[in-house]
Structure formats: C-alpha cells, structure tokens
C-alpha cells in the first residue's frame, strides 16, 4: 500500500497530461464541439487515431527522459532530445518551437535562436514551453522547481511570460505530487509568482472566462480554471477539451494538474486502455519519482 500511495500522484501527472492531450487533439484549432465529448476519438488536424497524443506529450517525455539520463536539468541534453522529436514529426509543432528548431538545425546556438525567434515573431509567449515542463514538478520539490522551470522554458521561448506560466503550473504540480491539497498548492504558487500579468490572470483565475488560446497566459489560465473548478479528474479534463481552440494543450496542462491531484487511479479505464504508450508513461513517471531531488 505504501508503494501505491507514494506513486499515485506522479504517475497520475504524466498519465493525465497524455490523456488530456489525446482527448483534445481532435478538436485542436476548432470551435467548441456541438455536443459534449466524453470519449477518445480519431481525427483532428493530423488525422490521429483515437488515443494518439501530440507533440505536447512527446516534448514532456523528452523532458522526463532528459531528467532521468542527466539526473537533473541539463540544457544541452534536453535540446538534443527536443530536436530529435521535432525532426520526426515537424508538422506537429507550433510556430515558435518550429522556428526555434529550424534555426538550431542550421547551426544557430540555442540561446541566440530563442532570441531571434522572439525578435522576428514579435514575441514568443506561446504555450509550447508550458505544456512540456510538468515532469519538472515530479523531479524537483516546490522550493526548487520555479527557477528550473524558468530556465527550461527560456531554452526555446525567450519571453518571460511563458516562463512564469510554466513555473506557476509546475509549482502546483510539484506540491500535489507530494500530497498537498490543490487550494494550498494554488496559494503557494501565487505567493511565488514574480510576473505581474501572470499573477493577475492566474492569481484571480475566477474573474476571467477561459480562452483556449496558443498564448501562454490564456492557455495556462484556461487549464487552471477548469482544474480548480472541477470535482473529479474526468470533469476537469472534459471541461478543458470541450473548450475547443488549442484543446490538446489546454487538455494536457489541465490533465497534468488533475492527474497530480487525484492520482492515476482516477483516470477512467475507457481512456487509459486506448491511450498511446500508457504503460511506458507510467514507468517513466515512476522512475522520475524514484530519482526525485527531495527523496529522503
């Protein structure tokens, strides 16, 4: 029983991220579905099979695997893994990440590539660095994960707003993986936030209607709004993906929070049995938890 209690939340985080991603993928870039969707289905922009995830989970796995191999955050190893994933399925990636990886492939140093993308695209506050960062919340304790999240985000997204959104959600994930209630995790994340815009939008999430946007702040808010107002894992994730818009990423972010809080046992079997590489994701999450920085 001790094994189950210790592992239920970190495993829930990575499983929930992939479930939310796969559920939302068919609705990516679309208006909200006419009927409330509750099951895995095929389709979407890239004609995915039911249960197949997107680059959201692919990039999160790259972060998790890099942490395991490097025994911590190691930028050069992570960039290599992210680039490898991009080269396999470039059509899955958003505009900021795609521009960054194309520059890196051409020989531009990563730090300069991130700055160039930010300048050429008049900003880099898209949600690509938010969705991938959640494994940091398994590996690092709440008092350490904020700064690492900032560094991880800014590898590819120069804009500080994206970094602070990632840090906020990762603090909550880290807290909940360690058994903290969601309201307490929210209060702690709010107390640590150093960006005024993120603090306003996420710290007063109930004042704003959720907008499932590519924008890091709006995406993070939508995911947080759906999670904080839900009473079950299932309700949280379904509320997120039925918003439409950037449904896969809002679903992934909300699913990660919900999985970290309610645990892997809350994932409906009708979803887990068709989710891509589900057992492998659980194994990776368990290995991260075994290697976590605050392990006694």
C-alpha atoms as a PDB file:
ATOM      1  CA  UNK A   1       0.000   0.000   0.000  1.00  0.00           C
ATOM      2  CA  UNK A   2       2.907   2.347   0.685  1.00  0.00           C
ATOM      3  CA  UNK A   3       4.093   1.853  -2.904  1.00  0.00           C
ATOM      4  CA  UNK A   4       0.676   2.749  -4.274  1.00  0.00           C
ATOM      5  CA  UNK A   5       0.304   5.857  -2.099  1.00  0.00           C
ATOM      6  CA  UNK A   6       3.738   7.180  -2.995  1.00  0.00           C
ATOM      7  CA  UNK A   7       3.429   6.687  -6.728  1.00  0.00           C
ATOM      8  CA  UNK A   8      -0.210   7.512  -7.415  1.00  0.00           C
ATOM      9  CA  UNK A   9       0.248  11.268  -7.876  1.00  0.00           C
ATOM     10  CA  UNK A  10       3.405  11.480 -10.028  1.00  0.00           C
ATOM     11  CA  UNK A  11       2.122   8.689 -12.248  1.00  0.00           C
ATOM     12  CA  UNK A  12      -1.192  10.499 -12.448  1.00  0.00           C
ATOM     13  CA  UNK A  13       0.573  13.647 -13.637  1.00  0.00           C
ATOM     14  CA  UNK A  14       2.178  12.151 -16.732  1.00  0.00           C
ATOM     15  CA  UNK A  15      -0.799   9.909 -17.466  1.00  0.00           C
ATOM     16  CA  UNK A  16      -3.167  12.849 -17.099  1.00  0.00           C
ATOM     17  CA  UNK A  17      -1.084  15.011 -19.411  1.00  0.00           C
ATOM     18  CA  UNK A  18      -1.173  12.370 -22.162  1.00  0.00           C
ATOM     19  CA  UNK A  19      -4.890  11.670 -21.648  1.00  0.00           C
ATOM     20  CA  UNK A  20      -5.803  15.354 -21.871  1.00  0.00           C
ATOM     21  CA  UNK A  21      -3.587  15.757 -24.922  1.00  0.00           C
ATOM     22  CA  UNK A  22      -5.117  12.780 -26.752  1.00  0.00           C
ATOM     23  CA  UNK A  23      -8.690  13.734 -25.854  1.00  0.00           C
ATOM     24  CA  UNK A  24      -8.160  17.301 -27.049  1.00  0.00           C
ATOM     25  CA  UNK A  25      -6.230  16.500 -30.240  1.00  0.00           C
ATOM     26  CA  UNK A  26      -9.312  16.002 -32.480  1.00  0.00           C
ATOM     27  CA  UNK A  27     -10.567  19.492 -31.523  1.00  0.00           C
ATOM     28  CA  UNK A  28      -7.297  21.382 -31.945  1.00  0.00           C
ATOM     29  CA  UNK A  29      -7.946  24.627 -33.796  1.00  0.00           C
ATOM     30  CA  UNK A  30     -11.713  24.075 -33.885  1.00  0.00           C
ATOM     31  CA  UNK A  31     -14.707  25.745 -32.223  1.00  0.00           C
ATOM     32  CA  UNK A  32     -16.135  24.010 -29.134  1.00  0.00           C
ATOM     33  CA  UNK A  33     -17.846  20.723 -30.091  1.00  0.00           C
ATOM     34  CA  UNK A  34     -21.599  20.970 -30.594  1.00  0.00           C
ATOM     35  CA  UNK A  35     -22.167  18.030 -28.253  1.00  0.00           C
ATOM     36  CA  UNK A  36     -20.227  17.409 -25.023  1.00  0.00           C
ATOM     37  CA  UNK A  37     -17.456  14.978 -25.967  1.00  0.00           C
ATOM     38  CA  UNK A  38     -16.545  12.329 -23.391  1.00  0.00           C
ATOM     39  CA  UNK A  39     -14.583   9.645 -25.251  1.00  0.00           C
ATOM     40  CA  UNK A  40     -11.380   9.193 -27.182  1.00  0.00           C
ATOM     41  CA  UNK A  41     -11.988   9.686 -30.863  1.00  0.00           C
ATOM     42  CA  UNK A  42      -9.870   9.832 -34.024  1.00  0.00           C
ATOM     43  CA  UNK A  43      -9.456  12.811 -36.310  1.00  0.00           C
ATOM     44  CA  UNK A  44      -8.204  16.344 -35.959  1.00  0.00           C
ATOM     45  CA  UNK A  45      -5.721  18.340 -37.996  1.00  0.00           C
ATOM     46  CA  UNK A  46      -3.278  15.453 -38.394  1.00  0.00           C
ATOM     47  CA  UNK A  47      -5.805  12.600 -38.633  1.00  0.00           C
ATOM     48  CA  UNK A  48      -4.697  10.896 -35.448  1.00  0.00           C
ATOM     49  CA  UNK A  49      -6.010   7.593 -34.175  1.00  0.00           C
ATOM     50  CA  UNK A  50      -8.113   7.511 -31.018  1.00  0.00           C
ATOM     51  CA  UNK A  51      -5.776   7.812 -28.026  1.00  0.00           C
ATOM     52  CA  UNK A  52      -2.816   9.132 -30.028  1.00  0.00           C
ATOM     53  CA  UNK A  53      -1.093  12.107 -28.450  1.00  0.00           C
ATOM     54  CA  UNK A  54       0.597  15.164 -29.995  1.00  0.00           C
ATOM     55  CA  UNK A  55       3.914  16.965 -29.557  1.00  0.00           C
ATOM     56  CA  UNK A  56       2.684  18.078 -26.110  1.00  0.00           C
ATOM     57  CA  UNK A  57       3.271  14.613 -24.668  1.00  0.00           C
ATOM     58  CA  UNK A  58       6.223  13.979 -26.974  1.00  0.00           C
ATOM     59  CA  UNK A  59       8.027  17.036 -25.587  1.00  0.00           C
ATOM     60  CA  UNK A  60       7.056  16.284 -21.979  1.00  0.00           C
ATOM     61  CA  UNK A  61       8.556  12.808 -22.404  1.00  0.00           C
ATOM     62  CA  UNK A  62      11.741  14.393 -23.741  1.00  0.00           C
ATOM     63  CA  UNK A  63      11.958  16.490 -20.576  1.00  0.00           C
ATOM     64  CA  UNK A  64      11.315  13.443 -18.387  1.00  0.00           C
ATOM     65  CA  UNK A  65      13.866  11.269 -20.194  1.00  0.00           C
ATOM     66  CA  UNK A  66      16.487  14.023 -20.072  1.00  0.00           C
ATOM     67  CA  UNK A  67      15.993  14.403 -16.311  1.00  0.00           C
ATOM     68  CA  UNK A  68      16.452  10.661 -15.881  1.00  0.00           C
ATOM     69  CA  UNK A  69      19.564  10.348 -18.038  1.00  0.00           C
ATOM     70  CA  UNK A  70      21.213  13.555 -16.807  1.00  0.00           C
ATOM     71  CA  UNK A  71      19.973  13.196 -13.219  1.00  0.00           C
ATOM     72  CA  UNK A  72      18.679  16.742 -13.381  1.00  0.00           C
ATOM     73  CA  UNK A  73      18.070  19.629 -15.751  1.00  0.00           C
ATOM     74  CA  UNK A  74      20.798  19.607 -18.393  1.00  0.00           C
ATOM     75  CA  UNK A  75      20.096  22.085 -21.227  1.00  0.00           C
ATOM     76  CA  UNK A  76      22.267  20.569 -23.958  1.00  0.00           C
ATOM     77  CA  UNK A  77      20.875  17.064 -23.457  1.00  0.00           C
ATOM     78  CA  UNK A  78      17.312  18.361 -23.423  1.00  0.00           C
ATOM     79  CA  UNK A  79      17.762  20.457 -26.561  1.00  0.00           C
ATOM     80  CA  UNK A  80      19.071  17.371 -28.347  1.00  0.00           C
ATOM     81  CA  UNK A  81      16.072  15.292 -27.323  1.00  0.00           C
ATOM     82  CA  UNK A  82      13.576  18.002 -28.226  1.00  0.00           C
ATOM     83  CA  UNK A  83      15.231  18.483 -31.602  1.00  0.00           C
ATOM     84  CA  UNK A  84      15.150  14.742 -32.271  1.00  0.00           C
ATOM     85  CA  UNK A  85      11.401  14.686 -31.610  1.00  0.00           C
ATOM     86  CA  UNK A  86      10.872  17.672 -33.882  1.00  0.00           C
ATOM     87  CA  UNK A  87      12.767  16.051 -36.735  1.00  0.00           C
ATOM     88  CA  UNK A  88      10.483  13.006 -36.552  1.00  0.00           C
ATOM     89  CA  UNK A  89       7.182  14.930 -36.666  1.00  0.00           C
ATOM     90  CA  UNK A  90       7.805  18.607 -37.530  1.00  0.00           C
ATOM     91  CA  UNK A  91       4.218  19.118 -38.659  1.00  0.00           C
ATOM     92  CA  UNK A  92       3.013  18.643 -35.092  1.00  0.00           C
ATOM     93  CA  UNK A  93       4.874  21.645 -33.684  1.00  0.00           C
ATOM     94  CA  UNK A  94       3.706  25.213 -33.140  1.00  0.00           C
ATOM     95  CA  UNK A  95       5.199  28.316 -34.787  1.00  0.00           C
ATOM     96  CA  UNK A  96       7.603  29.335 -32.013  1.00  0.00           C
ATOM     97  CA  UNK A  97       9.041  25.860 -31.449  1.00  0.00           C
ATOM     98  CA  UNK A  98       9.278  25.147 -35.191  1.00  0.00           C
ATOM     99  CA  UNK A  99      11.158  28.376 -35.872  1.00  0.00           C
ATOM    100  CA  UNK A 100      13.499  27.687 -32.967  1.00  0.00           C
ATOM    101  CA  UNK A 101      14.334  24.124 -34.005  1.00  0.00           C
ATOM    102  CA  UNK A 102      14.870  25.113 -37.620  1.00  0.00           C
ATOM    103  CA  UNK A 103      17.427  27.693 -36.530  1.00  0.00           C
ATOM    104  CA  UNK A 104      19.184  25.197 -34.257  1.00  0.00           C
ATOM    105  CA  UNK A 105      19.311  22.664 -37.095  1.00  0.00           C
ATOM    106  CA  UNK A 106      21.017  25.274 -39.263  1.00  0.00           C
ATOM    107  CA  UNK A 107      23.743  25.734 -36.636  1.00  0.00           C
ATOM    108  CA  UNK A 108      22.458  28.687 -34.597  1.00  0.00           C
ATOM    109  CA  UNK A 109      23.311  28.357 -30.880  1.00  0.00           C
ATOM    110  CA  UNK A 110      20.109  27.677 -28.872  1.00  0.00           C
ATOM    111  CA  UNK A 111      20.228  30.860 -26.770  1.00  0.00           C
ATOM    112  CA  UNK A 112      20.605  33.041 -29.844  1.00  0.00           C
ATOM    113  CA  UNK A 113      17.965  31.027 -31.701  1.00  0.00           C
ATOM    114  CA  UNK A 114      15.414  31.672 -28.949  1.00  0.00           C
ATOM    115  CA  UNK A 115      16.197  35.403 -29.034  1.00  0.00           C
ATOM    116  CA  UNK A 116      15.998  35.559 -32.836  1.00  0.00           C
ATOM    117  CA  UNK A 117      12.613  33.828 -32.893  1.00  0.00           C
ATOM    118  CA  UNK A 118      11.344  36.207 -30.228  1.00  0.00           C
ATOM    119  CA  UNK A 119      12.500  39.228 -32.255  1.00  0.00           C
ATOM    120  CA  UNK A 120      11.377  38.029 -35.673  1.00  0.00           C
ATOM    121  CA  UNK A 121       7.959  36.870 -34.488  1.00  0.00           C
ATOM    122  CA  UNK A 122       7.390  39.943 -32.308  1.00  0.00           C
ATOM    123  CA  UNK A 123       7.242  37.777 -29.202  1.00  0.00           C
ATOM    124  CA  UNK A 124       7.484  34.165 -28.069  1.00  0.00           C
ATOM    125  CA  UNK A 125       4.799  33.836 -25.442  1.00  0.00           C
ATOM    126  CA  UNK A 126       3.176  30.766 -26.967  1.00  0.00           C
ATOM    127  CA  UNK A 127       2.360  27.752 -24.800  1.00  0.00           C
ATOM    128  CA  UNK A 128       4.920  25.236 -26.105  1.00  0.00           C
ATOM    129  CA  UNK A 129       7.225  25.568 -23.112  1.00  0.00           C
ATOM    130  CA  UNK A 130       4.328  25.356 -20.643  1.00  0.00           C
ATOM    131  CA  UNK A 131       2.944  22.026 -21.820  1.00  0.00           C
ATOM    132  CA  UNK A 132       6.284  20.212 -21.756  1.00  0.00           C
ATOM    133  CA  UNK A 133       7.539  21.311 -18.334  1.00  0.00           C
ATOM    134  CA  UNK A 134       5.369  19.264 -15.980  1.00  0.00           C
ATOM    135  CA  UNK A 135       7.870  16.407 -15.387  1.00  0.00           C
ATOM    136  CA  UNK A 136       9.983  19.026 -13.604  1.00  0.00           C
ATOM    137  CA  UNK A 137       7.251  19.046 -10.957  1.00  0.00           C
ATOM    138  CA  UNK A 138       7.764  15.344 -10.314  1.00  0.00           C
ATOM    139  CA  UNK A 139      11.544  15.602 -10.131  1.00  0.00           C
ATOM    140  CA  UNK A 140      12.034  18.891  -8.246  1.00  0.00           C
ATOM    141  CA  UNK A 141      10.470  19.934  -4.913  1.00  0.00           C
ATOM    142  CA  UNK A 142       8.274  23.065  -4.777  1.00  0.00           C
ATOM    143  CA  UNK A 143      11.031  25.319  -3.444  1.00  0.00           C
ATOM    144  CA  UNK A 144      13.340  24.407  -6.351  1.00  0.00           C
ATOM    145  CA  UNK A 145      11.054  23.930  -9.325  1.00  0.00           C
ATOM    146  CA  UNK A 146      10.248  27.592 -10.029  1.00  0.00           C
ATOM    147  CA  UNK A 147      13.758  28.603 -11.071  1.00  0.00           C
ATOM    148  CA  UNK A 148      14.374  25.405 -13.047  1.00  0.00           C
ATOM    149  CA  UNK A 149      11.072  25.922 -14.870  1.00  0.00           C
ATOM    150  CA  UNK A 150      12.131  29.432 -15.869  1.00  0.00           C
ATOM    151  CA  UNK A 151      15.391  28.117 -17.295  1.00  0.00           C
ATOM    152  CA  UNK A 152      13.704  25.234 -19.095  1.00  0.00           C
ATOM    153  CA  UNK A 153      11.111  27.490 -20.712  1.00  0.00           C
ATOM    154  CA  UNK A 154      13.633  30.069 -21.876  1.00  0.00           C
ATOM    155  CA  UNK A 155      15.648  27.453 -23.748  1.00  0.00           C
ATOM    156  CA  UNK A 156      13.170  27.849 -26.599  1.00  0.00           C
ATOM    157  CA  UNK A 157      10.775  30.658 -25.575  1.00  0.00           C
ATOM    158  CA  UNK A 158      12.616  33.894 -24.821  1.00  0.00           C
ATOM    159  CA  UNK A 159       9.517  35.665 -23.486  1.00  0.00           C
ATOM    160  CA  UNK A 160       9.486  35.699 -19.663  1.00  0.00           C
ATOM    161  CA  UNK A 161       5.689  35.448 -19.512  1.00  0.00           C
ATOM    162  CA  UNK A 162       5.758  31.917 -20.922  1.00  0.00           C
ATOM    163  CA  UNK A 163       8.433  31.013 -18.373  1.00  0.00           C
ATOM    164  CA  UNK A 164       6.444  32.299 -15.401  1.00  0.00           C
ATOM    165  CA  UNK A 165       3.307  30.478 -16.576  1.00  0.00           C
ATOM    166  CA  UNK A 166       5.277  27.237 -16.708  1.00  0.00           C
ATOM    167  CA  UNK A 167       6.777  27.906 -13.288  1.00  0.00           C
ATOM    168  CA  UNK A 168       3.347  28.568 -11.737  1.00  0.00           C
ATOM    169  CA  UNK A 169       1.791  25.336 -13.001  1.00  0.00           C
ATOM    170  CA  UNK A 170       4.897  23.303 -12.180  1.00  0.00           C
ATOM    171  CA  UNK A 171       4.911  24.530  -8.587  1.00  0.00           C
ATOM    172  CA  UNK A 172       1.320  23.366  -8.221  1.00  0.00           C
ATOM    173  CA  UNK A 173       2.184  20.034  -9.850  1.00  0.00           C
ATOM    174  CA  UNK A 174       5.174  19.577  -7.545  1.00  0.00           C
ATOM    175  CA  UNK A 175       3.103  20.333  -4.464  1.00  0.00           C
ATOM    176  CA  UNK A 176       0.278  17.990  -5.452  1.00  0.00           C
ATOM    177  CA  UNK A 177       2.648  15.164  -6.376  1.00  0.00           C
ATOM    178  CA  UNK A 178       3.739  15.400  -2.740  1.00  0.00           C
ATOM    179  CA  UNK A 179       0.209  15.166  -1.356  1.00  0.00           C
ATOM    180  CA  UNK A 180      -0.687  18.852  -0.966  1.00  0.00           C
ATOM    181  CA  UNK A 181      -4.313  19.895  -1.495  1.00  0.00           C
ATOM    182  CA  UNK A 182      -4.982  21.920  -4.626  1.00  0.00           C
ATOM    183  CA  UNK A 183      -6.068  25.139  -2.879  1.00  0.00           C
ATOM    184  CA  UNK A 184      -2.917  25.161  -0.788  1.00  0.00           C
ATOM    185  CA  UNK A 185      -0.813  24.432  -3.890  1.00  0.00           C
ATOM    186  CA  UNK A 186      -2.515  27.328  -5.673  1.00  0.00           C
ATOM    187  CA  UNK A 187      -1.836  29.731  -2.797  1.00  0.00           C
ATOM    188  CA  UNK A 188       1.820  28.738  -2.694  1.00  0.00           C
ATOM    189  CA  UNK A 189       2.232  29.194  -6.454  1.00  0.00           C
ATOM    190  CA  UNK A 190       0.580  32.604  -6.206  1.00  0.00           C
ATOM    191  CA  UNK A 191       2.964  33.630  -3.434  1.00  0.00           C
ATOM    192  CA  UNK A 192       5.999  32.712  -5.569  1.00  0.00           C
ATOM    193  CA  UNK A 193       4.928  34.362  -8.828  1.00  0.00           C
ATOM    194  CA  UNK A 194       7.127  37.282  -9.912  1.00  0.00           C
ATOM    195  CA  UNK A 195       5.339  38.375 -13.088  1.00  0.00           C
ATOM    196  CA  UNK A 196       2.513  40.915 -12.749  1.00  0.00           C
ATOM    197  CA  UNK A 197       0.489  39.753 -15.745  1.00  0.00           C
ATOM    198  CA  UNK A 198       0.685  36.083 -14.791  1.00  0.00           C
ATOM    199  CA  UNK A 199      -0.111  36.911 -11.170  1.00  0.00           C
ATOM    200  CA  UNK A 200      -3.220  38.836 -12.192  1.00  0.00           C
ATOM    201  CA  UNK A 201      -4.550  36.280 -14.664  1.00  0.00           C
ATOM    202  CA  UNK A 202      -3.774  33.085 -12.767  1.00  0.00           C
ATOM    203  CA  UNK A 203      -3.955  34.503  -9.260  1.00  0.00           C
ATOM    204  CA  UNK A 204      -7.501  35.744  -9.925  1.00  0.00           C
ATOM    205  CA  UNK A 205      -8.497  32.969 -12.320  1.00  0.00           C
ATOM    206  CA  UNK A 206     -12.160  33.087 -11.299  1.00  0.00           C
ATOM    207  CA  UNK A 207     -12.529  36.663 -12.617  1.00  0.00           C
ATOM    208  CA  UNK A 208     -11.846  35.703 -16.242  1.00  0.00           C
ATOM    209  CA  UNK A 209     -13.574  33.435 -18.709  1.00  0.00           C
ATOM    210  CA  UNK A 210     -11.314  30.681 -20.093  1.00  0.00           C
ATOM    211  CA  UNK A 211      -9.928  31.226 -23.582  1.00  0.00           C
ATOM    212  CA  UNK A 212      -8.237  28.119 -25.078  1.00  0.00           C
ATOM    213  CA  UNK A 213      -5.523  30.063 -26.854  1.00  0.00           C
ATOM    214  CA  UNK A 214      -1.960  29.434 -28.066  1.00  0.00           C
ATOM    215  CA  UNK A 215      -0.963  32.333 -25.813  1.00  0.00           C
ATOM    216  CA  UNK A 216       0.873  31.021 -22.734  1.00  0.00           C
ATOM    217  CA  UNK A 217      -1.111  33.095 -20.231  1.00  0.00           C
ATOM    218  CA  UNK A 218      -4.524  32.373 -21.740  1.00  0.00           C
ATOM    219  CA  UNK A 219      -3.764  28.668 -22.146  1.00  0.00           C
ATOM    220  CA  UNK A 220      -2.458  28.373 -18.584  1.00  0.00           C
ATOM    221  CA  UNK A 221      -5.467  30.240 -17.256  1.00  0.00           C
ATOM    222  CA  UNK A 222      -7.927  28.022 -19.139  1.00  0.00           C
ATOM    223  CA  UNK A 223      -6.253  24.884 -17.795  1.00  0.00           C
ATOM    224  CA  UNK A 224      -6.114  26.243 -14.242  1.00  0.00           C
ATOM    225  CA  UNK A 225      -9.727  27.456 -14.410  1.00  0.00           C
ATOM    226  CA  UNK A 226     -11.008  24.035 -15.492  1.00  0.00           C
ATOM    227  CA  UNK A 227      -8.915  22.236 -12.868  1.00  0.00           C
ATOM    228  CA  UNK A 228      -9.742  24.477  -9.915  1.00  0.00           C
ATOM    229  CA  UNK A 229     -13.470  24.373 -10.632  1.00  0.00           C
ATOM    230  CA  UNK A 230     -13.652  20.590 -11.089  1.00  0.00           C
ATOM    231  CA  UNK A 231     -14.547  17.967  -8.515  1.00  0.00           C
ATOM    232  CA  UNK A 232     -13.142  14.983 -10.405  1.00  0.00           C
ATOM    233  CA  UNK A 233     -10.315  14.195 -12.804  1.00  0.00           C
ATOM    234  CA  UNK A 234     -12.796  13.382 -15.536  1.00  0.00           C
ATOM    235  CA  UNK A 235     -14.734  16.621 -15.138  1.00  0.00           C
ATOM    236  CA  UNK A 236     -11.546  18.703 -15.171  1.00  0.00           C
ATOM    237  CA  UNK A 237     -10.209  17.212 -18.398  1.00  0.00           C
ATOM    238  CA  UNK A 238     -13.546  17.208 -20.208  1.00  0.00           C
ATOM    239  CA  UNK A 239     -14.134  20.845 -19.274  1.00  0.00           C
ATOM    240  CA  UNK A 240     -10.758  21.683 -20.809  1.00  0.00           C
ATOM    241  CA  UNK A 241     -11.001  19.793 -24.085  1.00  0.00           C
ATOM    242  CA  UNK A 242     -14.589  20.838 -24.761  1.00  0.00           C
ATOM    243  CA  UNK A 243     -13.464  24.460 -24.941  1.00  0.00           C
ATOM    244  CA  UNK A 244     -12.073  23.741 -28.416  1.00  0.00           C
ATOM    245  CA  UNK A 245      -9.319  26.081 -29.597  1.00  0.00           C
ATOM    246  CA  UNK A 246      -5.907  24.788 -28.560  1.00  0.00           C
ATOM    247  CA  UNK A 247      -7.727  21.881 -26.980  1.00  0.00           C
ATOM    248  CA  UNK A 248      -4.831  19.439 -26.929  1.00  0.00           C
ATOM    249  CA  UNK A 249      -2.563  21.787 -24.963  1.00  0.00           C
ATOM    250  CA  UNK A 250      -5.219  23.079 -22.594  1.00  0.00           C
ATOM    251  CA  UNK A 251      -6.241  19.448 -22.095  1.00  0.00           C
ATOM    252  CA  UNK A 252      -2.646  18.360 -21.485  1.00  0.00           C
ATOM    253  CA  UNK A 253      -1.981  21.122 -18.938  1.00  0.00           C
ATOM    254  CA  UNK A 254      -5.266  20.569 -17.135  1.00  0.00           C
ATOM    255  CA  UNK A 255      -4.780  16.789 -17.257  1.00  0.00           C
ATOM    256  CA  UNK A 256      -1.328  17.072 -15.706  1.00  0.00           C
ATOM    257  CA  UNK A 257      -2.677  19.146 -12.809  1.00  0.00           C
ATOM    258  CA  UNK A 258      -5.699  16.895 -12.359  1.00  0.00           C
ATOM    259  CA  UNK A 259      -3.604  13.719 -12.506  1.00  0.00           C
ATOM    260  CA  UNK A 260      -1.130  15.080  -9.975  1.00  0.00           C
ATOM    261  CA  UNK A 261      -4.012  15.892  -7.626  1.00  0.00           C
ATOM    262  CA  UNK A 262      -6.448  12.985  -7.997  1.00  0.00           C
ATOM    263  CA  UNK A 263      -3.839  10.395  -8.944  1.00  0.00           C
ATOM    264  CA  UNK A 264      -3.626   7.734 -11.578  1.00  0.00           C
ATOM    265  CA  UNK A 265      -6.468   5.741 -10.059  1.00  0.00           C
ATOM    266  CA  UNK A 266      -8.870   8.496 -11.093  1.00  0.00           C
ATOM    267  CA  UNK A 267      -8.160   8.038 -14.814  1.00  0.00           C
ATOM    268  CA  UNK A 268     -11.173   6.304 -16.409  1.00  0.00           C
ATOM    269  CA  UNK A 269     -10.324   2.894 -17.828  1.00  0.00           C
ATOM    270  CA  UNK A 270     -12.130   3.684 -21.086  1.00  0.00           C
ATOM    271  CA  UNK A 271      -9.426   6.291 -21.712  1.00  0.00           C
ATOM    272  CA  UNK A 272      -6.363   4.534 -20.338  1.00  0.00           C
ATOM    273  CA  UNK A 273      -6.910   1.357 -22.343  1.00  0.00           C
ATOM    274  CA  UNK A 274      -6.631   3.214 -25.675  1.00  0.00           C
ATOM    275  CA  UNK A 275      -4.059   5.878 -24.716  1.00  0.00           C
ATOM    276  CA  UNK A 276      -0.802   5.638 -26.665  1.00  0.00           C
ATOM    277  CA  UNK A 277       2.186   4.195 -24.731  1.00  0.00           C
ATOM    278  CA  UNK A 278       0.231   4.419 -21.493  1.00  0.00           C
ATOM    279  CA  UNK A 279       2.247   1.797 -19.605  1.00  0.00           C
ATOM    280  CA  UNK A 280       5.510   3.381 -20.738  1.00  0.00           C
ATOM    281  CA  UNK A 281       4.408   6.795 -19.472  1.00  0.00           C
ATOM    282  CA  UNK A 282       3.601   5.299 -16.089  1.00  0.00           C
ATOM    283  CA  UNK A 283       7.016   3.666 -15.963  1.00  0.00           C
ATOM    284  CA  UNK A 284       8.796   6.938 -16.788  1.00  0.00           C
ATOM    285  CA  UNK A 285       6.859   8.826 -14.124  1.00  0.00           C
ATOM    286  CA  UNK A 286       7.693   6.185 -11.528  1.00  0.00           C
ATOM    287  CA  UNK A 287      11.378   6.334 -12.410  1.00  0.00           C
ATOM    288  CA  UNK A 288      11.366  10.134 -12.094  1.00  0.00           C
ATOM    289  CA  UNK A 289       9.765   9.868  -8.669  1.00  0.00           C
ATOM    290  CA  UNK A 290      12.399   7.359  -7.587  1.00  0.00           C
ATOM    291  CA  UNK A 291      15.133   9.805  -8.606  1.00  0.00           C
ATOM    292  CA  UNK A 292      13.470  12.999  -7.297  1.00  0.00           C
ATOM    293  CA  UNK A 293      15.718  15.614  -5.730  1.00  0.00           C
ATOM    294  CA  UNK A 294      13.948  15.702  -2.345  1.00  0.00           C
ATOM    295  CA  UNK A 295      13.859  11.939  -1.837  1.00  0.00           C
ATOM    296  CA  UNK A 296      14.664  11.108   1.783  1.00  0.00           C
END
